[in-house]
C-alpha atoms as a PDB file:
ATOM      1  CA  MET A   1     132.878  59.859 126.615  1.00  0.00           C
ATOM      2  CA  GLY A   2     130.419  63.003 126.423  1.00  0.00           C
ATOM      3  CA  THR A   3     127.482  64.136 124.238  1.00  0.00           C
ATOM      4  CA  LYS A   4     126.970  67.103 121.730  1.00  0.00           C
ATOM      5  CA  SER A   5     123.927  68.367 121.808  1.00  0.00           C
ATOM      6  CA  TRP A   6     121.977  68.912 118.419  1.00  0.00           C
ATOM      7  CA  TRP A   7     120.643  72.274 119.482  1.00  0.00           C
ATOM      8  CA  ASN A   8     123.679  75.290 119.415  1.00  0.00           C
ATOM      9  CA  ARG A   9     123.734  78.667 119.890  1.00  0.00           C
ATOM     10  CA  THR A  10     123.113  79.252 116.532  1.00  0.00           C
ATOM     11  CA  ASP A  11     119.646  77.796 116.218  1.00  0.00           C
ATOM     12  CA  SER A  12     118.966  79.887 119.417  1.00  0.00           C
ATOM     13  CA  ARG A  13     120.089  82.598 117.289  1.00  0.00           C
ATOM     14  CA  LEU A  14     117.376  81.930 114.656  1.00  0.00           C
ATOM     15  CA  LEU A  15     115.019  81.162 116.951  1.00  0.00           C
ATOM     16  CA  GLU A  16     114.746  84.063 118.636  1.00  0.00           C
ATOM     17  CA  ALA A  17     114.595  86.023 115.497  1.00  0.00           C
ATOM     18  CA  ALA A  18     112.227  84.098 113.904  1.00  0.00           C
ATOM     19  CA  LEU A  19     110.213  84.779 117.152  1.00  0.00           C
ATOM     20  CA  GLY A  20     111.301  88.551 117.319  1.00  0.00           C
ATOM     21  CA  LEU A  21     109.978  89.196 113.259  1.00  0.00           C
ATOM     22  CA  ALA A  22     106.645  87.179 113.806  1.00  0.00           C
ATOM     23  CA  ALA A  23     106.854  89.485 117.021  1.00  0.00           C
ATOM     24  CA  LEU A  24     107.508  92.488 115.317  1.00  0.00           C
ATOM     25  CA  LEU A  25     105.081  92.034 112.637  1.00  0.00           C
ATOM     26  CA  ASP A  26     101.625  91.242 114.566  1.00  0.00           C
ATOM     27  CA  ALA A  27     102.542  94.882 116.797  1.00  0.00           C
ATOM     28  CA  VAL A  28     102.817  96.458 113.112  1.00  0.00           C
ATOM     29  CA  PHE A  29      99.950  94.767 110.909  1.00  0.00           C
ATOM     30  CA  GLY A  30      97.269  93.559 114.061  1.00  0.00           C
ATOM     31  CA  VAL A  31      97.758  96.836 116.604  1.00  0.00           C
ATOM     32  CA  LEU A  32      99.348  99.172 114.696  1.00  0.00           C
ATOM     33  CA  ILE A  33      97.990 100.068 111.812  1.00  0.00           C
ATOM     34  CA  PRO A  34      94.773  99.244 112.745  1.00  0.00           C
ATOM     35  CA  ALA A  35      94.429 101.002 115.431  1.00  0.00           C
ATOM     36  CA  LEU A  36      95.332 104.894 113.120  1.00  0.00           C
ATOM     37  CA  GLY A  37      92.591 103.621 110.720  1.00  0.00           C
ATOM     38  CA  VAL A  38      90.488 104.239 113.853  1.00  0.00           C
ATOM     39  CA  VAL A  39      91.818 107.982 114.658  1.00  0.00           C
ATOM     40  CA  GLY A  40      91.596 107.855 111.237  1.00  0.00           C
ATOM     41  CA  LEU A  41      95.334 108.362 110.145  1.00  0.00           C
ATOM     42  CA  ILE A  42      94.519 105.598 107.460  1.00  0.00           C
ATOM     43  CA  ASP A  43      91.709 104.128 105.668  1.00  0.00           C
ATOM     44  CA  PRO A  44      89.834 102.543 108.794  1.00  0.00           C
ATOM     45  CA  VAL A  45      87.987  98.596 108.548  1.00  0.00           C
ATOM     46  CA  ASP A  46      84.399  99.343 107.483  1.00  0.00           C
ATOM     47  CA  THR A  47      83.676  94.983 106.388  1.00  0.00           C
ATOM     48  CA  ARG A  48      82.776  92.961 109.744  1.00  0.00           C
ATOM     49  CA  GLU A  49      81.704  89.469 108.554  1.00  0.00           C
ATOM     50  CA  VAL A  50      78.409  88.279 109.896  1.00  0.00           C
ATOM     51  CA  THR A  51      75.637  85.914 109.326  1.00  0.00           C
ATOM     52  CA  PRO A  52      72.942  87.439 108.725  1.00  0.00           C
ATOM     53  CA  GLU A  53      68.530  85.402 109.860  1.00  0.00           C
ATOM     54  CA  THR A  54      67.424  84.893 106.214  1.00  0.00           C
ATOM     55  CA  ALA A  55      70.189  85.022 103.010  1.00  0.00           C
ATOM     56  CA  THR A  56      70.818  87.900 101.537  1.00  0.00           C
ATOM     57  CA  ARG A  57      71.249  88.265  97.825  1.00  0.00           C
ATOM     58  CA  VAL A  58      74.322  88.615  96.430  1.00  0.00           C
ATOM     59  CA  PRO A  59      73.674  92.497  94.644  1.00  0.00           C
ATOM     60  CA  GLY A  60      74.304  93.432  91.370  1.00  0.00           C
ATOM     61  CA  THR A  61      72.524  96.895  92.394  1.00  0.00           C
ATOM     62  CA  VAL A  62      72.119  99.067  95.576  1.00  0.00           C
ATOM     63  CA  THR A  63      68.534  97.214  96.169  1.00  0.00           C
ATOM     64  CA  ASP A  64      69.604  94.217  96.004  1.00  0.00           C
ATOM     65  CA  ALA A  65      71.088  94.021  99.053  1.00  0.00           C
ATOM     66  CA  VAL A  66      69.337  95.085 102.590  1.00  0.00           C
ATOM     67  CA  ALA A  67      70.144  98.588 103.932  1.00  0.00           C
ATOM     68  CA  GLY A  68      70.121 101.614 105.970  1.00  0.00           C
ATOM     69  CA  HIS A  69      72.087 103.643 108.372  1.00  0.00           C
ATOM     70  CA  GLY A  70      74.717 103.896 106.141  1.00  0.00           C
ATOM     71  CA  MET A  71      75.037 100.362 106.481  1.00  0.00           C
ATOM     72  CA  THR A  72      75.251  97.728 103.706  1.00  0.00           C
ATOM     73  CA  LEU A  73      74.159  93.892 104.060  1.00  0.00           C
ATOM     74  CA  THR A  74      75.440  91.480 100.747  1.00  0.00           C
ATOM     75  CA  GLY A  75      75.987  88.103 100.490  1.00  0.00           C
ATOM     76  CA  THR A  76      74.022  84.834 100.954  1.00  0.00           C
ATOM     77  CA  HIS A  77      75.236  82.164 103.919  1.00  0.00           C
ATOM     78  CA  ARG A  78      77.990  84.486 104.967  1.00  0.00           C
ATOM     79  CA  ALA A  79      77.293  88.250 104.847  1.00  0.00           C
ATOM     80  CA  ASP A  80      79.736  91.301 104.613  1.00  0.00           C
ATOM     81  CA  LEU A  81      78.180  94.571 106.962  1.00  0.00           C
ATOM     82  CA  VAL A  82      79.761  97.412 105.445  1.00  0.00           C
ATOM     83  CA  LEU A  83      79.791 100.883 107.123  1.00  0.00           C
ATOM     84  CA  ALA A  84      79.651 103.744 104.208  1.00  0.00           C
ATOM     85  CA  HIS A  85      80.677 106.130 107.251  1.00  0.00           C
ATOM     86  CA  PRO A  86      82.325 104.734 110.177  1.00  0.00           C
ATOM     87  CA  ASP A  87      82.525 107.239 113.169  1.00  0.00           C
ATOM     88  CA  LEU A  88      85.133 107.001 115.664  1.00  0.00           C
ATOM     89  CA  GLY A  89      82.937 104.713 117.602  1.00  0.00           C
ATOM     90  CA  GLN A  90      82.271 102.290 114.770  1.00  0.00           C
ATOM     91  CA  ARG A  91      85.449 101.847 113.816  1.00  0.00           C
ATOM     92  CA  LEU A  92      87.021 101.294 117.122  1.00  0.00           C
ATOM     93  CA  LEU A  93      84.112  98.010 117.251  1.00  0.00           C
ATOM     94  CA  LEU A  94      84.733  97.122 113.966  1.00  0.00           C
ATOM     95  CA  ALA A  95      88.645  96.793 114.915  1.00  0.00           C
ATOM     96  CA  LEU A  96      88.646  95.601 118.284  1.00  0.00           C
ATOM     97  CA  PRO A  97      88.244  92.401 117.538  1.00  0.00           C
ATOM     98  CA  ASP A  98      91.467  91.684 115.484  1.00  0.00           C
ATOM     99  CA  VAL A  99      93.070  94.529 117.863  1.00  0.00           C
ATOM    100  CA  VAL A 100      92.527  92.333 120.947  1.00  0.00           C
ATOM    101  CA  GLY A 101      93.686  89.246 119.300  1.00  0.00           C
ATOM    102  CA  SER A 102      96.814  90.447 118.125  1.00  0.00           C
ATOM    103  CA  LEU A 103      97.836  91.632 121.862  1.00  0.00           C
ATOM    104  CA  LEU A 104      96.847  88.742 123.147  1.00  0.00           C
ATOM    105  CA  LEU A 105      99.600  86.893 120.330  1.00  0.00           C
ATOM    106  CA  LEU A 106     102.298  89.770 120.952  1.00  0.00           C
ATOM    107  CA  LEU A 107     101.859  88.816 125.048  1.00  0.00           C
ATOM    108  CA  VAL A 108     102.438  85.590 123.852  1.00  0.00           C
ATOM    109  CA  LEU A 109     105.380  85.750 121.299  1.00  0.00           C
ATOM    110  CA  VAL A 110     107.364  87.623 123.650  1.00  0.00           C
ATOM    111  CA  LEU A 111     106.777  85.216 126.790  1.00  0.00           C
ATOM    112  CA  LEU A 112     107.763  82.576 123.755  1.00  0.00           C
ATOM    113  CA  LEU A 113     110.961  84.737 122.814  1.00  0.00           C
ATOM    114  CA  GLN A 114     111.900  85.179 126.986  1.00  0.00           C
ATOM    115  CA  MET A 115     111.944  81.539 127.071  1.00  0.00           C
ATOM    116  CA  THR A 116     114.204  80.928 124.113  1.00  0.00           C
ATOM    117  CA  ARG A 117     116.275  82.676 124.818  1.00  0.00           C
ATOM    118  CA  THR A 118     117.317  81.304 128.042  1.00  0.00           C
ATOM    119  CA  LEU A 119     118.088  78.071 126.017  1.00  0.00           C
ATOM    120  CA  ARG A 120     121.605  80.601 125.446  1.00  0.00           C
ATOM    121  CA  ASP A 121     122.470  78.803 128.749  1.00  0.00           C
ATOM    122  CA  GLY A 122     121.527  75.209 127.667  1.00  0.00           C
ATOM    123  CA  ASP A 123     118.938  74.530 130.079  1.00  0.00           C
ATOM    124  CA  VAL A 124     115.145  75.597 129.440  1.00  0.00           C
ATOM    125  CA  PHE A 125     113.817  73.499 132.357  1.00  0.00           C
ATOM    126  CA  VAL A 126     113.600  77.071 134.783  1.00  0.00           C
ATOM    127  CA  PRO A 127     111.192  78.044 137.066  1.00  0.00           C
ATOM    128  CA  ARG A 128     110.452  81.715 135.420  1.00  0.00           C
ATOM    129  CA  ASN A 129     110.169  78.857 131.881  1.00  0.00           C
ATOM    130  CA  ALA A 130     107.694  77.699 134.204  1.00  0.00           C
ATOM    131  CA  ARG A 131     105.472  80.660 135.082  1.00  0.00           C
ATOM    132  CA  ARG A 132     105.425  81.861 131.291  1.00  0.00           C
ATOM    133  CA  LEU A 133     104.149  77.924 130.361  1.00  0.00           C
ATOM    134  CA  SER A 134     101.376  78.702 132.871  1.00  0.00           C
ATOM    135  CA  VAL A 135     101.157  82.423 131.926  1.00  0.00           C
ATOM    136  CA  ILE A 136     100.837  81.779 127.324  1.00  0.00           C
ATOM    137  CA  GLY A 137      98.067  78.851 128.383  1.00  0.00           C
ATOM    138  CA  LEU A 138      96.313  80.934 131.084  1.00  0.00           C
ATOM    139  CA  THR A 139      96.508  83.946 127.627  1.00  0.00           C
ATOM    140  CA  VAL A 140      95.194  81.409 125.519  1.00  0.00           C
ATOM    141  CA  LEU A 141      91.953  80.222 126.885  1.00  0.00           C
ATOM    142  CA  VAL A 142      91.245  83.825 127.508  1.00  0.00           C
ATOM    143  CA  GLN A 143      91.778  84.036 123.684  1.00  0.00           C
ATOM    144  CA  ALA A 144      89.592  80.598 123.166  1.00  0.00           C
ATOM    145  CA  VAL A 145      86.854  82.708 124.900  1.00  0.00           C
ATOM    146  CA  LEU A 146      87.139  86.048 123.607  1.00  0.00           C
ATOM    147  CA  SER A 147      87.682  85.141 119.915  1.00  0.00           C
ATOM    148  CA  PRO A 148      83.659  84.489 119.248  1.00  0.00           C
ATOM    149  CA  VAL A 149      82.319  86.475 122.068  1.00  0.00           C
ATOM    150  CA  LEU A 150      84.482  89.852 121.115  1.00  0.00           C
ATOM    151  CA  PRO A 151      82.940  89.731 117.225  1.00  0.00           C
ATOM    152  CA  SER A 152      79.511  89.010 118.325  1.00  0.00           C
ATOM    153  CA  LEU A 153      79.381  91.608 121.245  1.00  0.00           C
ATOM    154  CA  THR A 154      80.993  94.060 119.069  1.00  0.00           C
ATOM    155  CA  THR A 155      78.577  93.350 115.964  1.00  0.00           C
ATOM    156  CA  GLU A 156      75.532  93.639 118.483  1.00  0.00           C
ATOM    157  CA  ALA A 157      76.374  97.413 119.319  1.00  0.00           C
ATOM    158  CA  LEU A 158      77.274  98.240 115.666  1.00  0.00           C
ATOM    159  CA  VAL A 159      73.739  97.342 114.436  1.00  0.00           C
ATOM    160  CA  SER A 160      71.676  97.974 117.594  1.00  0.00           C
ATOM    161  CA  GLY A 161      68.699 100.391 117.315  1.00  0.00           C
ATOM    162  CA  THR A 162      69.232  99.979 113.346  1.00  0.00           C
ATOM    163  CA  PRO A 163      67.354  98.295 110.222  1.00  0.00           C
ATOM    164  CA  MET A 164      70.073  95.845 110.583  1.00  0.00           C
ATOM    165  CA  ALA A 165      69.172  94.665 113.876  1.00  0.00           C
ATOM    166  CA  ASP A 166      66.531  92.227 112.905  1.00  0.00           C
ATOM    167  CA  GLN A 167      68.975  90.941 109.633  1.00  0.00           C
ATOM    168  CA  VAL A 168      71.866  89.906 112.081  1.00  0.00           C
ATOM    169  CA  PRO A 169      70.864  88.286 115.446  1.00  0.00           C
ATOM    170  CA  PHE A 170      73.249  88.138 118.379  1.00  0.00           C
ATOM    171  CA  SER A 171      75.370  84.246 118.091  1.00  0.00           C
ATOM    172  CA  VAL A 172      77.910  83.130 119.495  1.00  0.00           C
ATOM    173  CA  THR A 173      79.385  79.385 118.555  1.00  0.00           C
ATOM    174  CA  PHE A 174      82.381  78.345 121.013  1.00  0.00           C
ATOM    175  CA  THR A 175      84.784  75.705 119.636  1.00  0.00           C
ATOM    176  CA  GLY A 176      87.170  73.546 121.897  1.00  0.00           C
ATOM    177  CA  GLU A 177      90.738  73.021 120.098  1.00  0.00           C
ATOM    178  CA  TYR A 178      91.961  76.494 121.992  1.00  0.00           C
ATOM    179  CA  VAL A 179      90.052  75.275 125.200  1.00  0.00           C
ATOM    180  CA  LEU A 180      91.980  71.712 124.654  1.00  0.00           C
ATOM    181  CA  LEU A 181      95.449  73.342 123.601  1.00  0.00           C
ATOM    182  CA  ALA A 182      95.579  75.741 126.394  1.00  0.00           C
ATOM    183  CA  PHE A 183      94.997  73.287 128.702  1.00  0.00           C
ATOM    184  CA  LEU A 184      97.572  71.381 127.198  1.00  0.00           C
ATOM    185  CA  ILE A 185      99.594  74.722 127.928  1.00  0.00           C
ATOM    186  CA  LEU A 186      98.899  74.614 131.641  1.00  0.00           C
ATOM    187  CA  ALA A 187      99.866  71.177 132.041  1.00  0.00           C
ATOM    188  CA  LEU A 188     103.118  71.564 130.272  1.00  0.00           C
ATOM    189  CA  GLY A 189     103.653  74.246 132.701  1.00  0.00           C
ATOM    190  CA  GLU A 190     103.219  72.064 135.832  1.00  0.00           C
ATOM    191  CA  VAL A 191     105.247  69.409 134.542  1.00  0.00           C
ATOM    192  CA  PHE A 192     108.559  72.267 133.978  1.00  0.00           C
ATOM    193  CA  ARG A 193     107.636  73.574 137.632  1.00  0.00           C
ATOM    194  CA  ARG A 194     107.670  69.997 139.186  1.00  0.00           C
ATOM    195  CA  GLY A 195     110.615  68.850 137.594  1.00  0.00           C
ATOM    196  CA  THR A 196     112.560  71.780 138.166  1.00  0.00           C
ATOM    197  CA  LYS A 197     111.447  71.762 142.020  1.00  0.00           C
ATOM    198  CA  LEU A 198     112.186  67.960 142.013  1.00  0.00           C
ATOM    199  CA  ARG A 199     116.229  68.757 140.721  1.00  0.00           C
ATOM    200  CA  ALA A 200     115.957  71.588 143.377  1.00  0.00           C
ATOM    201  CA  ASP A 201     115.480  69.284 145.931  1.00  0.00           C
ATOM    202  CA  THR A 202     117.538  67.218 144.177  1.00  0.00           C
ATOM    203  CA  GLU A 203     121.260  68.923 143.717  1.00  0.00           C
ATOM    204  CA  GLY A 204     120.308  69.895 147.808  1.00  0.00           C
ATOM    205  CA  LEU A 205     120.877  66.630 148.920  1.00  0.00           C
ATOM    206  CA  VAL A 206     124.319  66.245 146.759  1.00  0.00           C
END
């Protein structure tokens, strides 16, 4: 007597639709809209959250905040660096970390969508999915490095040569969660690769 799988084509379609919608939203709100802001077609991002050298007061007036070169630094332990009229280069620096993060997320979502489509045939354990998992793991690892580094580098470029340079020191804080996740995904990709190779060898003996 055969056993019926709990996963069916409807489940696959729903998962594909959810991943497709997530990819679309990420592309629109994470890439397209910030890009339109950079070129000036819509209001651009003009604020960057920073950690100041010395705590600034929450402003009641303009004089309560540190200001200079069209920039205003307001806040306490986590401050907002606000650019009054950012030029093209500044808009690009402000948007770059979020756009790069969204592009990496989009790549992961597209690869997951491609993996989900293999469920239509009832078999996700295929060689191309092992490769996709490896790419996903490497993408997460790249994101683990770029996520803290890009904001720091772009902030340093924004304040360089301005009075804000003394108020906003260069600092990078790494966390291990994404690195651990990346290695877990890479390990899972290796399991997929070895499993599919073993199955191919076994089928060749039959």
